[in-house]
C-alpha atoms as a PDB file:
ATOM      1  CA  MET A   1       0.000   0.000   0.000  1.00  0.00           C
ATOM      2  CA  THR A   2       1.444   3.365  -1.005  1.00  0.00           C
ATOM      3  CA  LYS A   3       1.116   6.434   1.179  1.00  0.00           C
ATOM      4  CA  LYS A   4      -0.899   9.227  -0.385  1.00  0.00           C
ATOM      5  CA  GLN A   5       0.724  12.634  -0.329  1.00  0.00           C
ATOM      6  CA  TYR A   6      -1.304  15.842  -0.324  1.00  0.00           C
ATOM      7  CA  TYR A   7      -0.051  19.232  -1.491  1.00  0.00           C
ATOM      8  CA  GLY A   8      -0.828  22.887  -0.869  1.00  0.00           C
ATOM      9  CA  THR A   9       0.751  26.172  -1.910  1.00  0.00           C
ATOM     10  CA  GLY A  10       0.667  29.319   0.194  1.00  0.00           C
ATOM     11  CA  ARG A  11       1.726  32.868  -0.581  1.00  0.00           C
ATOM     12  CA  ARG A  12       2.045  36.001   1.577  1.00  0.00           C
ATOM     13  CA  LYS A  13       3.870  39.228   0.624  1.00  0.00           C
ATOM     14  CA  THR A  14       6.945  37.872  -1.214  1.00  0.00           C
ATOM     15  CA  SER A  15       7.026  34.440   0.488  1.00  0.00           C
ATOM     16  CA  ILE A  16       6.042  31.243  -1.279  1.00  0.00           C
ATOM     17  CA  ALA A  17       5.528  27.998   0.655  1.00  0.00           C
ATOM     18  CA  LYS A  18       5.190  24.507  -0.830  1.00  0.00           C
ATOM     19  CA  VAL A  19       3.574  22.171   1.686  1.00  0.00           C
ATOM     20  CA  PHE A  20       3.625  18.362   1.367  1.00  0.00           C
ATOM     21  CA  MET A  21       1.403  16.439   3.795  1.00  0.00           C
ATOM     22  CA  ASN A  22       1.589  12.747   4.721  1.00  0.00           C
ATOM     23  CA  SER A  23      -0.103  10.777   7.478  1.00  0.00           C
ATOM     24  CA  GLY A  24       2.113  10.684  10.547  1.00  0.00           C
ATOM     25  CA  SER A  25       2.598  11.906  14.086  1.00  0.00           C
ATOM     26  CA  GLY A  26       2.396  15.706  13.759  1.00  0.00           C
ATOM     27  CA  LYS A  27       5.990  16.546  12.848  1.00  0.00           C
ATOM     28  CA  ILE A  28       6.443  19.776  10.855  1.00  0.00           C
ATOM     29  CA  THR A  29       9.730  20.258   8.997  1.00  0.00           C
ATOM     30  CA  VAL A  30      10.505  23.640   7.408  1.00  0.00           C
ATOM     31  CA  ASN A  31      13.475  23.761   4.993  1.00  0.00           C
ATOM     32  CA  CYS A  32      14.915  20.548   6.558  1.00  0.00           C
ATOM     33  CA  LYS A  33      14.689  21.986  10.112  1.00  0.00           C
ATOM     34  CA  PRO A  34      12.096  21.324  12.834  1.00  0.00           C
ATOM     35  CA  LEU A  35       9.441  24.051  13.112  1.00  0.00           C
ATOM     36  CA  GLU A  36      10.635  25.191  16.563  1.00  0.00           C
ATOM     37  CA  LYS A  37      14.236  25.591  15.332  1.00  0.00           C
ATOM     38  CA  TYR A  38      13.289  27.387  12.097  1.00  0.00           C
ATOM     39  CA  PHE A  39      11.054  30.010  13.740  1.00  0.00           C
ATOM     40  CA  GLY A  40      12.405  31.681  16.856  1.00  0.00           C
ATOM     41  CA  ARG A  41       9.155  33.378  17.823  1.00  0.00           C
ATOM     42  CA  GLU A  42       6.332  31.563  19.541  1.00  0.00           C
ATOM     43  CA  THR A  43       3.788  33.658  17.583  1.00  0.00           C
ATOM     44  CA  SER A  44       5.098  32.356  14.240  1.00  0.00           C
ATOM     45  CA  ILE A  45       4.789  28.764  15.495  1.00  0.00           C
ATOM     46  CA  MET A  46       1.216  29.486  16.644  1.00  0.00           C
ATOM     47  CA  VAL A  47       0.342  30.991  13.242  1.00  0.00           C
ATOM     48  CA  VAL A  48       1.660  27.906  11.417  1.00  0.00           C
ATOM     49  CA  ARG A  49      -0.290  25.511  13.677  1.00  0.00           C
ATOM     50  CA  GLN A  50      -3.578  27.480  13.491  1.00  0.00           C
ATOM     51  CA  PRO A  51      -5.313  25.356  10.810  1.00  0.00           C
ATOM     52  CA  LEU A  52      -4.267  22.120  12.560  1.00  0.00           C
ATOM     53  CA  VAL A  53      -5.632  23.239  15.939  1.00  0.00           C
ATOM     54  CA  LEU A  54      -8.852  24.472  14.335  1.00  0.00           C
ATOM     55  CA  THR A  55      -9.532  21.198  12.477  1.00  0.00           C
ATOM     56  CA  ASP A  56      -8.248  19.027  15.371  1.00  0.00           C
ATOM     57  CA  THR A  57      -5.593  17.298  13.209  1.00  0.00           C
ATOM     58  CA  VAL A  58      -2.462  18.262  15.199  1.00  0.00           C
ATOM     59  CA  ASN A  59      -1.091  14.714  15.616  1.00  0.00           C
ATOM     60  CA  LYS A  60      -2.491  13.130  12.442  1.00  0.00           C
ATOM     61  CA  PHE A  61      -0.150  14.430   9.721  1.00  0.00           C
ATOM     62  CA  ASP A  62       3.514  15.136   9.035  1.00  0.00           C
ATOM     63  CA  PHE A  63       4.398  18.186   6.972  1.00  0.00           C
ATOM     64  CA  MET A  64       7.438  18.796   4.789  1.00  0.00           C
ATOM     65  CA  VAL A  65       7.563  22.502   3.914  1.00  0.00           C
ATOM     66  CA  THR A  66       9.805  24.403   1.513  1.00  0.00           C
ATOM     67  CA  VAL A  67       9.548  28.164   1.907  1.00  0.00           C
ATOM     68  CA  ARG A  68      11.508  31.025   0.356  1.00  0.00           C
ATOM     69  CA  GLY A  69      11.390  34.812   0.226  1.00  0.00           C
ATOM     70  CA  GLY A  70      10.139  37.402   2.702  1.00  0.00           C
ATOM     71  CA  GLY A  71      10.642  37.519   6.447  1.00  0.00           C
ATOM     72  CA  ASP A  72       9.580  35.366   9.393  1.00  0.00           C
ATOM     73  CA  SER A  73       6.041  36.729   9.661  1.00  0.00           C
ATOM     74  CA  SER A  74       5.352  36.490   5.955  1.00  0.00           C
ATOM     75  CA  GLN A  75       6.797  32.967   5.744  1.00  0.00           C
ATOM     76  CA  ALA A  76       4.622  31.835   8.662  1.00  0.00           C
ATOM     77  CA  GLY A  77       1.530  33.244   6.913  1.00  0.00           C
ATOM     78  CA  ALA A  78       2.466  31.500   3.663  1.00  0.00           C
ATOM     79  CA  ILE A  79       2.944  28.167   5.460  1.00  0.00           C
ATOM     80  CA  ARG A  80      -0.413  28.595   7.214  1.00  0.00           C
ATOM     81  CA  LEU A  81      -2.184  29.062   3.880  1.00  0.00           C
ATOM     82  CA  GLY A  82      -0.291  26.106   2.371  1.00  0.00           C
ATOM     83  CA  ILE A  83      -1.268  23.818   5.265  1.00  0.00           C
ATOM     84  CA  SER A  84      -4.910  24.913   4.914  1.00  0.00           C
ATOM     85  CA  HIS A  85      -4.857  24.057   1.193  1.00  0.00           C
ATOM     86  CA  ALA A  86      -3.204  20.686   1.865  1.00  0.00           C
ATOM     87  CA  LEU A  87      -5.887  19.860   4.460  1.00  0.00           C
ATOM     88  CA  LEU A  88      -8.577  20.738   1.899  1.00  0.00           C
ATOM     89  CA  ASP A  89      -6.848  18.510  -0.682  1.00  0.00           C
ATOM     90  CA  TYR A  90      -6.945  15.645   1.836  1.00  0.00           C
ATOM     91  CA  ASP A  91     -10.566  16.347   2.757  1.00  0.00           C
ATOM     92  CA  GLN A  92     -11.727  16.342  -0.874  1.00  0.00           C
ATOM     93  CA  ALA A  93      -9.881  13.082  -1.571  1.00  0.00           C
ATOM     94  CA  THR A  94     -11.322  11.255   1.445  1.00  0.00           C
ATOM     95  CA  THR A  95     -14.947  12.421   1.362  1.00  0.00           C
ATOM     96  CA  THR A  96     -17.289  11.227  -1.346  1.00  0.00           C
ATOM     97  CA  LYS A  97     -20.057  13.689  -2.041  1.00  0.00           C
ATOM     98  CA  SER A  98     -23.091  13.399  -4.242  1.00  0.00           C
ATOM     99  CA  ASN A  99     -22.866  17.081  -5.146  1.00  0.00           C
ATOM    100  CA  PRO A 100     -19.279  18.236  -5.871  1.00  0.00           C
ATOM    101  CA  GLU A 101     -20.303  21.907  -5.575  1.00  0.00           C
ATOM    102  CA  GLU A 102     -21.234  21.401  -1.915  1.00  0.00           C
ATOM    103  CA  ASN A 103     -18.601  22.565   0.604  1.00  0.00           C
ATOM    104  CA  THR A 104     -17.368  20.092   3.216  1.00  0.00           C
ATOM    105  CA  GLU A 105     -17.373  20.679   6.962  1.00  0.00           C
ATOM    106  CA  MET A 106     -13.598  21.286   7.005  1.00  0.00           C
ATOM    107  CA  HIS A 107     -13.891  23.833   4.174  1.00  0.00           C
ATOM    108  CA  LYS A 108     -16.589  25.748   6.069  1.00  0.00           C
ATOM    109  CA  LEU A 109     -14.470  25.673   9.246  1.00  0.00           C
ATOM    110  CA  LEU A 110     -11.342  26.996   7.518  1.00  0.00           C
ATOM    111  CA  ARG A 111     -13.288  29.568   5.474  1.00  0.00           C
ATOM    112  CA  THR A 112     -15.085  31.103   8.480  1.00  0.00           C
ATOM    113  CA  ALA A 113     -11.757  31.386  10.339  1.00  0.00           C
ATOM    114  CA  GLY A 114     -10.308  33.216   7.323  1.00  0.00           C
ATOM    115  CA  LEU A 115      -7.531  30.681   6.722  1.00  0.00           C
ATOM    116  CA  LEU A 116      -8.277  30.160   3.025  1.00  0.00           C
ATOM    117  CA  THR A 117      -8.007  33.812   2.028  1.00  0.00           C
ATOM    118  CA  ARG A 118      -4.705  34.945   0.544  1.00  0.00           C
ATOM    119  CA  ASP A 119      -3.535  38.245   2.038  1.00  0.00           C
ATOM    120  CA  ALA A 120      -2.700  40.166  -1.158  1.00  0.00           C
ATOM    121  CA  ARG A 121      -1.087  43.165   0.543  1.00  0.00           C
ATOM    122  CA  LYS A 122       2.465  43.872  -0.574  1.00  0.00           C
ATOM    123  CA  VAL A 123       4.949  46.648   0.179  1.00  0.00           C
ATOM    124  CA  GLU A 124       4.348  49.695  -1.988  1.00  0.00           C
ATOM    125  CA  ARG A 125       7.340  50.907  -3.991  1.00  0.00           C
ATOM    126  CA  LYS A 126       9.182  54.115  -3.163  1.00  0.00           C
ATOM    127  CA  LYS A 127       8.384  57.034  -5.495  1.00  0.00           C
ATOM    128  CA  VAL A 128      10.818  59.570  -6.908  1.00  0.00           C
ATOM    129  CA  GLY A 129      11.096  62.808  -4.899  1.00  0.00           C
ATOM    130  CA  ARG A 130       9.549  61.285  -1.774  1.00  0.00           C
ATOM    131  CA  SER A 131      11.089  59.961   1.450  1.00  0.00           C
ATOM    132  CA  LYS A 132       9.076  56.744   1.388  1.00  0.00           C
ATOM    133  CA  ALA A 133       6.233  55.402  -0.754  1.00  0.00           C
ATOM    134  CA  ARG A 134       3.827  58.216   0.168  1.00  0.00           C
ATOM    135  CA  ARG A 135       5.664  60.414   2.666  1.00  0.00           C
ATOM    136  CA  GLY A 136       6.867  63.580   0.978  1.00  0.00           C
ATOM    137  CA  LYS A 137       9.366  66.160   2.142  1.00  0.00           C
ATOM    138  CA  GLN A 138       8.367  68.200   5.174  1.00  0.00           C
ATOM    139  CA  TYR A 139       6.973  71.610   4.230  1.00  0.00           C
ATOM    140  CA  SER A 140       8.930  74.563   5.556  1.00  0.00           C
ATOM    141  CA  LYS A 141       7.142  77.929   5.618  1.00  0.00           C
ATOM    142  CA  ARG A 142      10.337  79.959   6.208  1.00  0.00           C
END
């Protein structure tokens, strides 16, 4: 019997995460490092685990994640979206529905928590003649 692998992609700012999910014991590996070693902050670890805690699948799957670009916060958000998509991929493969248009329970759970929405905000570029993207020079009356 071959193990089925599920896949999900997540993006946030300039980070892109490829998430591969297999059945296992709940181990998350990010760029060949354990999750706790890769992210120093506890908040980033919490963000990554959010979809697993919500769907009560913390100790059911192992994740192998490849992530590049951006910073810690943006990478954590990208991984979170990738894990959510991988869970949906698993859910669609395991449930047989009479109506394919009908959303599953896991999809509704993840959607209401806002874990399936890609945050499209990116850093605005700096304009010529300005200090930052929008901040101009300070006006001097005299």
